[in-house]
Amino acid sequence: MISKENLKAGLIGGIGGLIVSMVINYYILPVPETVFANALGNGISGLMSGFMGGFLAVKKRKNGNS
């Protein structure tokens, strides 16, 4: 069951991943046809990975597996 705490931690981690990934890929590693397409694509992947990281960390902590 998904709790509010899991969703909140996942959203915070996802937003952090989105921002960091977009900034790095916009200014440092532009590869696709447009810089914005690269930043957006990597930002979305950062959002997903950050959400899952935060969600699983809270779930693990709640189960007592710290």
PDB file of N, CA and C in Angstrom:
ATOM      1  N   MET A   1       0.839  -1.181   0.000  1.00  0.00           N
ATOM      2  CA  MET A   1       0.000   0.000   0.000  1.00  0.00           C
ATOM      3  C   MET A   1       0.885   1.247   0.000  1.00  0.00           C
ATOM      4  N   ILE A   2       0.535   2.216  -0.809  1.00  0.00           N
ATOM      5  CA  ILE A   2       1.327   3.441  -0.931  1.00  0.00           C
ATOM      6  C   ILE A   2       0.850   4.453   0.108  1.00  0.00           C
ATOM      7  N   SER A   3       1.794   4.961   0.891  1.00  0.00           N
ATOM      8  CA  SER A   3       1.440   5.959   1.896  1.00  0.00           C
ATOM      9  C   SER A   3       1.781   7.359   1.398  1.00  0.00           C
ATOM     10  N   LYS A   4       1.247   8.346   2.081  1.00  0.00           N
ATOM     11  CA  LYS A   4       1.537   9.744   1.730  1.00  0.00           C
ATOM     12  C   LYS A   4       3.022  10.052   1.894  1.00  0.00           C
ATOM     13  N   GLU A   5       3.644   9.434   2.887  1.00  0.00           N
ATOM     14  CA  GLU A   5       5.071   9.657   3.128  1.00  0.00           C
ATOM     15  C   GLU A   5       5.914   9.130   1.959  1.00  0.00           C
ATOM     16  N   ASN A   6       5.532   7.962   1.423  1.00  0.00           N
ATOM     17  CA  ASN A   6       6.246   7.409   0.273  1.00  0.00           C
ATOM     18  C   ASN A   6       6.109   8.328  -0.930  1.00  0.00           C
ATOM     19  N   LEU A   7       4.910   8.804  -1.182  1.00  0.00           N
ATOM     20  CA  LEU A   7       4.676   9.682  -2.323  1.00  0.00           C
ATOM     21  C   LEU A   7       5.427  10.999  -2.176  1.00  0.00           C
ATOM     22  N   LYS A   8       5.427  11.554  -0.961  1.00  0.00           N
ATOM     23  CA  LYS A   8       6.129  12.817  -0.716  1.00  0.00           C
ATOM     24  C   LYS A   8       7.637  12.649  -0.926  1.00  0.00           C
ATOM     25  N   ALA A   9       8.215  11.589  -0.376  1.00  0.00           N
ATOM     26  CA  ALA A   9       9.656  11.341  -0.539  1.00  0.00           C
ATOM     27  C   ALA A   9       9.993  11.088  -1.995  1.00  0.00           C
ATOM     28  N   GLY A  10       9.145  10.348  -2.684  1.00  0.00           N
ATOM     29  CA  GLY A  10       9.374  10.086  -4.089  1.00  0.00           C
ATOM     30  C   GLY A  10       9.301  11.331  -4.936  1.00  0.00           C
ATOM     31  N   LEU A  11       8.356  12.198  -4.641  1.00  0.00           N
ATOM     32  CA  LEU A  11       8.210  13.444  -5.394  1.00  0.00           C
ATOM     33  C   LEU A  11       9.396  14.371  -5.157  1.00  0.00           C
ATOM     34  N   ILE A  12       9.851  14.482  -3.932  1.00  0.00           N
ATOM     35  CA  ILE A  12      11.010  15.327  -3.624  1.00  0.00           C
ATOM     36  C   ILE A  12      12.259  14.789  -4.327  1.00  0.00           C
ATOM     37  N   GLY A  13      12.476  13.479  -4.265  1.00  0.00           N
ATOM     38  CA  GLY A  13      13.620  12.877  -4.957  1.00  0.00           C
ATOM     39  C   GLY A  13      13.512  13.031  -6.465  1.00  0.00           C
ATOM     40  N   GLY A  14      12.305  12.901  -6.976  1.00  0.00           N
ATOM     41  CA  GLY A  14      12.086  13.043  -8.409  1.00  0.00           C
ATOM     42  C   GLY A  14      12.347  14.445  -8.910  1.00  0.00           C
ATOM     43  N   ILE A  15      11.892  15.436  -8.178  1.00  0.00           N
ATOM     44  CA  ILE A  15      12.122  16.834  -8.576  1.00  0.00           C
ATOM     45  C   ILE A  15      13.614  17.159  -8.513  1.00  0.00           C
ATOM     46  N   GLY A  16      14.294  16.668  -7.476  1.00  0.00           N
ATOM     47  CA  GLY A  16      15.740  16.877  -7.385  1.00  0.00           C
ATOM     48  C   GLY A  16      16.470  16.236  -8.557  1.00  0.00           C
ATOM     49  N   GLY A  17      16.098  15.002  -8.892  1.00  0.00           N
ATOM     50  CA  GLY A  17      16.704  14.318 -10.030  1.00  0.00           C
ATOM     51  C   GLY A  17      16.415  15.031 -11.338  1.00  0.00           C
ATOM     52  N   LEU A  18      15.205  15.537 -11.496  1.00  0.00           N
ATOM     53  CA  LEU A  18      14.818  16.277 -12.697  1.00  0.00           C
ATOM     54  C   LEU A  18      15.686  17.516 -12.878  1.00  0.00           C
ATOM     55  N   ILE A  19      15.829  18.301 -11.821  1.00  0.00           N
ATOM     56  CA  ILE A  19      16.588  19.548 -11.906  1.00  0.00           C
ATOM     57  C   ILE A  19      18.067  19.286 -12.178  1.00  0.00           C
ATOM     58  N   VAL A  20      18.660  18.392 -11.421  1.00  0.00           N
ATOM     59  CA  VAL A  20      20.091  18.110 -11.588  1.00  0.00           C
ATOM     60  C   VAL A  20      20.368  17.537 -12.972  1.00  0.00           C
ATOM     61  N   SER A  21      19.556  16.589 -13.395  1.00  0.00           N
ATOM     62  CA  SER A  21      19.766  15.974 -14.699  1.00  0.00           C
ATOM     63  C   SER A  21      19.595  16.976 -15.834  1.00  0.00           C
ATOM     64  N   MET A  22      18.580  17.819 -15.763  1.00  0.00           N
ATOM     65  CA  MET A  22      18.363  18.816 -16.811  1.00  0.00           C
ATOM     66  C   MET A  22      19.509  19.820 -16.869  1.00  0.00           C
ATOM     67  N   VAL A  23      19.965  20.293 -15.723  1.00  0.00           N
ATOM     68  CA  VAL A  23      21.049  21.277 -15.697  1.00  0.00           C
ATOM     69  C   VAL A  23      22.333  20.682 -16.270  1.00  0.00           C
ATOM     70  N   ILE A  24      22.676  19.481 -15.839  1.00  0.00           N
ATOM     71  CA  ILE A  24      23.892  18.851 -16.335  1.00  0.00           C
ATOM     72  C   ILE A  24      23.821  18.633 -17.840  1.00  0.00           C
ATOM     73  N   ASN A  25      22.709  18.120 -18.294  1.00  0.00           N
ATOM     74  CA  ASN A  25      22.594  17.800 -19.715  1.00  0.00           C
ATOM     75  C   ASN A  25      22.380  19.028 -20.583  1.00  0.00           C
ATOM     76  N   TYR A  26      21.871  20.099 -20.052  1.00  0.00           N
ATOM     77  CA  TYR A  26      21.684  21.317 -20.847  1.00  0.00           C
ATOM     78  C   TYR A  26      23.014  22.041 -21.038  1.00  0.00           C
ATOM     79  N   TYR A  27      23.816  22.107 -19.970  1.00  0.00           N
ATOM     80  CA  TYR A  27      25.051  22.892 -20.019  1.00  0.00           C
ATOM     81  C   TYR A  27      26.313  22.086 -20.317  1.00  0.00           C
ATOM     82  N   ILE A  28      26.335  20.796 -19.990  1.00  0.00           N
ATOM     83  CA  ILE A  28      27.582  20.043 -20.081  1.00  0.00           C
ATOM     84  C   ILE A  28      27.574  18.989 -21.190  1.00  0.00           C
ATOM     85  N   LEU A  29      26.513  18.202 -21.307  1.00  0.00           N
ATOM     86  CA  LEU A  29      26.520  17.056 -22.214  1.00  0.00           C
ATOM     87  C   LEU A  29      25.407  17.088 -23.264  1.00  0.00           C
ATOM     88  N   PRO A  30      25.289  18.135 -24.056  1.00  0.00           N
ATOM     89  CA  PRO A  30      24.216  18.135 -25.066  1.00  0.00           C
ATOM     90  C   PRO A  30      24.545  17.176 -26.212  1.00  0.00           C
ATOM     91  N   VAL A  31      23.707  16.135 -26.415  1.00  0.00           N
ATOM     92  CA  VAL A  31      23.991  15.136 -27.436  1.00  0.00           C
ATOM     93  C   VAL A  31      22.946  15.075 -28.557  1.00  0.00           C
ATOM     94  N   PRO A  32      21.619  14.998 -28.273  1.00  0.00           N
ATOM     95  CA  PRO A  32      20.640  14.864 -29.361  1.00  0.00           C
ATOM     96  C   PRO A  32      20.591  16.089 -30.283  1.00  0.00           C
ATOM     97  N   GLU A  33      19.641  16.077 -31.209  1.00  0.00           N
ATOM     98  CA  GLU A  33      19.525  17.157 -32.192  1.00  0.00           C
ATOM     99  C   GLU A  33      19.415  18.524 -31.531  1.00  0.00           C
ATOM    100  N   THR A  34      18.587  18.607 -30.517  1.00  0.00           N
ATOM    101  CA  THR A  34      18.463  19.888 -29.813  1.00  0.00           C
ATOM    102  C   THR A  34      18.886  19.695 -28.364  1.00  0.00           C
ATOM    103  N   VAL A  35      19.410  20.739 -27.814  1.00  0.00           N
ATOM    104  CA  VAL A  35      19.846  20.696 -26.423  1.00  0.00           C
ATOM    105  C   VAL A  35      18.640  20.513 -25.508  1.00  0.00           C
ATOM    106  N   PHE A  36      17.532  21.179 -25.837  1.00  0.00           N
ATOM    107  CA  PHE A  36      16.344  21.074 -24.996  1.00  0.00           C
ATOM    108  C   PHE A  36      15.788  19.648 -24.993  1.00  0.00           C
ATOM    109  N   ALA A  37      15.793  18.968 -26.145  1.00  0.00           N
ATOM    110  CA  ALA A  37      15.298  17.586 -26.201  1.00  0.00           C
ATOM    111  C   ALA A  37      16.138  16.675 -25.315  1.00  0.00           C
ATOM    112  N   ASN A  38      17.429  16.873 -25.307  1.00  0.00           N
ATOM    113  CA  ASN A  38      18.314  16.085 -24.453  1.00  0.00           C
ATOM    114  C   ASN A  38      18.033  16.367 -22.977  1.00  0.00           C
ATOM    115  N   ALA A  39      17.935  17.636 -22.632  1.00  0.00           N
ATOM    116  CA  ALA A  39      17.695  18.005 -21.239  1.00  0.00           C
ATOM    117  C   ALA A  39      16.348  17.487 -20.765  1.00  0.00           C
ATOM    118  N   LEU A  40      15.338  17.587 -21.596  1.00  0.00           N
ATOM    119  CA  LEU A  40      14.013  17.117 -21.219  1.00  0.00           C
ATOM    120  C   LEU A  40      14.001  15.596 -21.050  1.00  0.00           C
ATOM    121  N   GLY A  41      14.606  14.879 -21.979  1.00  0.00           N
ATOM    122  CA  GLY A  41      14.646  13.420 -21.884  1.00  0.00           C
ATOM    123  C   GLY A  41      15.370  12.943 -20.642  1.00  0.00           C
ATOM    124  N   ASN A  42      16.479  13.544 -20.344  1.00  0.00           N
ATOM    125  CA  ASN A  42      17.228  13.151 -19.157  1.00  0.00           C
ATOM    126  C   ASN A  42      16.544  13.631 -17.883  1.00  0.00           C
ATOM    127  N   GLY A  43      15.857  14.756 -17.974  1.00  0.00           N
ATOM    128  CA  GLY A  43      15.102  15.242 -16.821  1.00  0.00           C
ATOM    129  C   GLY A  43      13.980  14.290 -16.450  1.00  0.00           C
ATOM    130  N   ILE A  44      13.309  13.768 -17.457  1.00  0.00           N
ATOM    131  CA  ILE A  44      12.224  12.817 -17.201  1.00  0.00           C
ATOM    132  C   ILE A  44      12.777  11.539 -16.582  1.00  0.00           C
ATOM    133  N   SER A  45      13.916  11.065 -17.076  1.00  0.00           N
ATOM    134  CA  SER A  45      14.504   9.863 -16.482  1.00  0.00           C
ATOM    135  C   SER A  45      14.956  10.130 -15.046  1.00  0.00           C
ATOM    136  N   GLY A  46      15.452  11.339 -14.789  1.00  0.00           N
ATOM    137  CA  GLY A  46      15.830  11.701 -13.423  1.00  0.00           C
ATOM    138  C   GLY A  46      14.622  11.746 -12.500  1.00  0.00           C
ATOM    139  N   LEU A  47      13.506  12.234 -13.020  1.00  0.00           N
ATOM    140  CA  LEU A  47      12.261  12.281 -12.249  1.00  0.00           C
ATOM    141  C   LEU A  47      11.828  10.872 -11.861  1.00  0.00           C
ATOM    142  N   MET A  48      11.860   9.966 -12.814  1.00  0.00           N
ATOM    143  CA  MET A  48      11.432   8.587 -12.538  1.00  0.00           C
ATOM    144  C   MET A  48      12.377   7.883 -11.567  1.00  0.00           C
ATOM    145  N   SER A  49      13.685   8.034 -11.776  1.00  0.00           N
ATOM    146  CA  SER A  49      14.625   7.338 -10.899  1.00  0.00           C
ATOM    147  C   SER A  49      14.621   7.930  -9.493  1.00  0.00           C
ATOM    148  N   GLY A  50      14.489   9.237  -9.403  1.00  0.00           N
ATOM    149  CA  GLY A  50      14.422   9.869  -8.083  1.00  0.00           C
ATOM    150  C   GLY A  50      13.183   9.456  -7.314  1.00  0.00           C
ATOM    151  N   PHE A  51      12.061   9.371  -8.019  1.00  0.00           N
ATOM    152  CA  PHE A  51      10.828   8.947  -7.369  1.00  0.00           C
ATOM    153  C   PHE A  51      10.958   7.531  -6.838  1.00  0.00           C
ATOM    154  N   MET A  52      11.477   6.637  -7.670  1.00  0.00           N
ATOM    155  CA  MET A  52      11.613   5.253  -7.233  1.00  0.00           C
ATOM    156  C   MET A  52      12.607   5.121  -6.080  1.00  0.00           C
ATOM    157  N   GLY A  53      13.693   5.892  -6.120  1.00  0.00           N
ATOM    158  CA  GLY A  53      14.663   5.852  -5.030  1.00  0.00           C
ATOM    159  C   GLY A  53      14.059   6.304  -3.715  1.00  0.00           C
ATOM    160  N   GLY A  54      13.334   7.411  -3.751  1.00  0.00           N
ATOM    161  CA  GLY A  54      12.692   7.906  -2.535  1.00  0.00           C
ATOM    162  C   GLY A  54      11.614   6.967  -2.030  1.00  0.00           C
ATOM    163  N   PHE A  55      10.833   6.436  -2.952  1.00  0.00           N
ATOM    164  CA  PHE A  55       9.758   5.525  -2.590  1.00  0.00           C
ATOM    165  C   PHE A  55      10.309   4.265  -1.927  1.00  0.00           C
ATOM    166  N   LEU A  56      11.329   3.678  -2.522  1.00  0.00           N
ATOM    167  CA  LEU A  56      11.892   2.446  -1.971  1.00  0.00           C
ATOM    168  C   LEU A  56      12.626   2.691  -0.655  1.00  0.00           C
ATOM    169  N   ALA A  57      13.262   3.845  -0.507  1.00  0.00           N
ATOM    170  CA  ALA A  57      13.961   4.146   0.749  1.00  0.00           C
ATOM    171  C   ALA A  57      12.974   4.238   1.901  1.00  0.00           C
ATOM    172  N   VAL A  58      11.849   4.904   1.671  1.00  0.00           N
ATOM    173  CA  VAL A  58      10.847   5.026   2.730  1.00  0.00           C
ATOM    174  C   VAL A  58      10.228   3.668   3.027  1.00  0.00           C
ATOM    175  N   LYS A  59       9.952   2.911   1.981  1.00  0.00           N
ATOM    176  CA  LYS A  59       9.355   1.587   2.171  1.00  0.00           C
ATOM    177  C   LYS A  59      10.302   0.681   2.965  1.00  0.00           C
ATOM    178  N   LYS A  60      11.594   0.732   2.647  1.00  0.00           N
ATOM    179  CA  LYS A  60      12.577  -0.074   3.356  1.00  0.00           C
ATOM    180  C   LYS A  60      12.664   0.352   4.826  1.00  0.00           C
ATOM    181  N   ARG A  61      12.661   1.676   5.064  1.00  0.00           N
ATOM    182  CA  ARG A  61      12.740   2.179   6.437  1.00  0.00           C
ATOM    183  C   ARG A  61      11.519   1.757   7.245  1.00  0.00           C
ATOM    184  N   LYS A  62      10.337   1.797   6.623  1.00  0.00           N
ATOM    185  CA  LYS A  62       9.125   1.416   7.326  1.00  0.00           C
ATOM    186  C   LYS A  62       9.111  -0.067   7.688  1.00  0.00           C
ATOM    187  N   ASN A  63       9.761  -0.884   6.869  1.00  0.00           N
ATOM    188  CA  ASN A  63       9.807  -2.326   7.144  1.00  0.00           C
ATOM    189  C   ASN A  63      10.882  -2.685   8.166  1.00  0.00           C
ATOM    190  N   GLY A  64      11.665  -1.699   8.615  1.00  0.00           N
ATOM    191  CA  GLY A  64      12.690  -1.940   9.619  1.00  0.00           C
ATOM    192  C   GLY A  64      13.978  -2.519   9.071  1.00  0.00           C
ATOM    193  N   ASN A  65      14.227  -2.321   7.786  1.00  0.00           N
ATOM    194  CA  ASN A  65      15.440  -2.865   7.161  1.00  0.00           C
ATOM    195  C   ASN A  65      16.495  -1.782   6.969  1.00  0.00           C
ATOM    196  N   SER A  66      16.651  -0.887   7.905  1.00  0.00           N
ATOM    197  CA  SER A  66      17.567   0.244   7.714  1.00  0.00           C
ATOM    198  C   SER A  66      19.005  -0.093   7.713  1.00  0.00           C
TER     199      SER A  66
END
